[in-house]
Amino acid sequence: MHFSTALLTTLLLSVTMVEGLKCACNAGGQNSKAACDYIGKVYGTRGCGYTGCCVFPGRERDAFENACNTLGFGFKRCDECETC
């Protein structure tokens, strides 16, 4: 019974995991890094076509977009990325 419970728990966790987003502000990496630092996330993850700030969908993504705009850079994009 213990094995079945552990297996079920593992399956449920893998189904509910949310893939990260890689995000960028307009006008280059320095702006994206500044916005990433502003919200306390890590900038510099490579892969998925560009270097960016890794965030989760929802609140963190919204915070990054707001940081880009608050800092005067403008928001560029977020993409699902396995390296995040």
C-alpha atoms as a PDB file:
ATOM      1  CA  MET A   1       0.000   0.000   0.000  1.00  0.00           C
ATOM      2  CA  HIS A   2       2.846   2.413   0.823  1.00  0.00           C
ATOM      3  CA  PHE A   3       4.347   1.917  -2.664  1.00  0.00           C
ATOM      4  CA  SER A   4       1.006   2.701  -4.316  1.00  0.00           C
ATOM      5  CA  THR A   5       0.604   5.900  -2.310  1.00  0.00           C
ATOM      6  CA  ALA A   6       4.134   7.038  -3.168  1.00  0.00           C
ATOM      7  CA  LEU A   7       3.590   6.304  -6.858  1.00  0.00           C
ATOM      8  CA  LEU A   8       0.278   8.157  -6.905  1.00  0.00           C
ATOM      9  CA  THR A   9       1.825  11.157  -5.156  1.00  0.00           C
ATOM     10  CA  THR A  10       4.689  11.263  -7.659  1.00  0.00           C
ATOM     11  CA  LEU A  11       2.291  11.099 -10.590  1.00  0.00           C
ATOM     12  CA  LEU A  12       0.117  13.880  -9.198  1.00  0.00           C
ATOM     13  CA  LEU A  13       3.113  16.130  -8.594  1.00  0.00           C
ATOM     14  CA  SER A  14       4.423  15.615 -12.117  1.00  0.00           C
ATOM     15  CA  VAL A  15       1.023  16.469 -13.602  1.00  0.00           C
ATOM     16  CA  THR A  16       0.641  19.641 -11.538  1.00  0.00           C
ATOM     17  CA  MET A  17       4.161  21.023 -12.112  1.00  0.00           C
ATOM     18  CA  VAL A  18       4.158  24.324 -13.962  1.00  0.00           C
ATOM     19  CA  GLU A  19       6.795  24.961 -16.567  1.00  0.00           C
ATOM     20  CA  GLY A  20       8.742  28.156 -16.131  1.00  0.00           C
ATOM     21  CA  LEU A  21       8.662  31.154 -18.412  1.00  0.00           C
ATOM     22  CA  LYS A  22      11.657  33.000 -19.765  1.00  0.00           C
ATOM     23  CA  CYS A  23      10.920  36.722 -20.019  1.00  0.00           C
ATOM     24  CA  ALA A  24      12.547  39.815 -21.484  1.00  0.00           C
ATOM     25  CA  CYS A  25      12.084  43.579 -21.481  1.00  0.00           C
ATOM     26  CA  ASN A  26      12.570  45.734 -24.575  1.00  0.00           C
ATOM     27  CA  ALA A  27      16.014  46.962 -25.628  1.00  0.00           C
ATOM     28  CA  GLY A  28      18.368  44.278 -24.447  1.00  0.00           C
ATOM     29  CA  GLY A  29      19.668  42.112 -21.682  1.00  0.00           C
ATOM     30  CA  GLN A  30      20.702  44.858 -19.264  1.00  0.00           C
ATOM     31  CA  ASN A  31      17.092  46.011 -19.040  1.00  0.00           C
ATOM     32  CA  SER A  32      15.828  42.468 -18.516  1.00  0.00           C
ATOM     33  CA  LYS A  33      18.450  41.911 -15.810  1.00  0.00           C
ATOM     34  CA  ALA A  34      17.418  45.121 -14.038  1.00  0.00           C
ATOM     35  CA  ALA A  35      13.743  44.061 -14.039  1.00  0.00           C
ATOM     36  CA  CYS A  36      14.673  40.554 -12.902  1.00  0.00           C
ATOM     37  CA  ASP A  37      16.755  41.969 -10.030  1.00  0.00           C
ATOM     38  CA  TYR A  38      13.885  44.337  -9.183  1.00  0.00           C
ATOM     39  CA  ILE A  39      11.529  41.397  -8.520  1.00  0.00           C
ATOM     40  CA  GLY A  40      14.202  39.240  -6.863  1.00  0.00           C
ATOM     41  CA  LYS A  41      14.470  36.560  -9.545  1.00  0.00           C
ATOM     42  CA  VAL A  42      17.527  35.122 -11.314  1.00  0.00           C
ATOM     43  CA  TYR A  43      18.597  36.498 -14.694  1.00  0.00           C
ATOM     44  CA  GLY A  44      20.968  34.793 -17.085  1.00  0.00           C
ATOM     45  CA  THR A  45      19.410  31.462 -17.929  1.00  0.00           C
ATOM     46  CA  ARG A  46      20.380  30.549 -21.482  1.00  0.00           C
ATOM     47  CA  GLY A  47      18.463  28.336 -23.863  1.00  0.00           C
ATOM     48  CA  CYS A  48      15.154  28.621 -25.666  1.00  0.00           C
ATOM     49  CA  GLY A  49      16.612  31.192 -28.059  1.00  0.00           C
ATOM     50  CA  TYR A  50      17.712  33.974 -25.700  1.00  0.00           C
ATOM     51  CA  THR A  51      19.048  34.818 -22.252  1.00  0.00           C
ATOM     52  CA  GLY A  52      16.313  35.968 -19.908  1.00  0.00           C
ATOM     53  CA  CYS A  53      14.630  36.065 -16.531  1.00  0.00           C
ATOM     54  CA  CYS A  54      12.972  32.847 -15.374  1.00  0.00           C
ATOM     55  CA  VAL A  55       9.605  33.263 -13.655  1.00  0.00           C
ATOM     56  CA  PHE A  56       6.470  31.235 -13.048  1.00  0.00           C
ATOM     57  CA  PRO A  57       3.226  32.048 -14.864  1.00  0.00           C
ATOM     58  CA  GLY A  58       0.795  34.259 -13.006  1.00  0.00           C
ATOM     59  CA  ARG A  59       2.001  36.561 -10.254  1.00  0.00           C
ATOM     60  CA  GLU A  60       5.729  36.351 -11.055  1.00  0.00           C
ATOM     61  CA  ARG A  61       5.157  36.894 -14.772  1.00  0.00           C
ATOM     62  CA  ASP A  62       2.921  39.888 -14.034  1.00  0.00           C
ATOM     63  CA  ALA A  63       5.527  41.286 -11.621  1.00  0.00           C
ATOM     64  CA  PHE A  64       8.214  41.028 -14.297  1.00  0.00           C
ATOM     65  CA  GLU A  65       6.058  42.780 -16.892  1.00  0.00           C
ATOM     66  CA  ASN A  66       5.224  45.519 -14.375  1.00  0.00           C
ATOM     67  CA  ALA A  67       8.920  45.904 -13.489  1.00  0.00           C
ATOM     68  CA  CYS A  68       9.844  46.363 -17.168  1.00  0.00           C
ATOM     69  CA  ASN A  69       7.220  49.092 -17.457  1.00  0.00           C
ATOM     70  CA  THR A  70       7.950  50.702 -14.068  1.00  0.00           C
ATOM     71  CA  LEU A  71      11.650  50.958 -14.909  1.00  0.00           C
ATOM     72  CA  GLY A  72      10.757  52.565 -18.252  1.00  0.00           C
ATOM     73  CA  PHE A  73      11.940  49.783 -20.553  1.00  0.00           C
ATOM     74  CA  GLY A  74       8.662  48.339 -21.770  1.00  0.00           C
ATOM     75  CA  PHE A  75       7.815  44.645 -21.761  1.00  0.00           C
ATOM     76  CA  LYS A  76       8.902  42.467 -24.712  1.00  0.00           C
ATOM     77  CA  ARG A  77       7.814  38.835 -24.168  1.00  0.00           C
ATOM     78  CA  CYS A  78       7.643  35.656 -22.101  1.00  0.00           C
ATOM     79  CA  ASP A  79       7.952  32.152 -23.547  1.00  0.00           C
ATOM     80  CA  GLU A  80       7.624  28.693 -22.007  1.00  0.00           C
ATOM     81  CA  CYS A  81      11.134  27.341 -21.576  1.00  0.00           C
ATOM     82  CA  GLU A  82      12.341  23.983 -20.258  1.00  0.00           C
ATOM     83  CA  THR A  83      15.614  25.485 -18.994  1.00  0.00           C
ATOM     84  CA  CYS A  84      13.741  27.618 -16.462  1.00  0.00           C
END
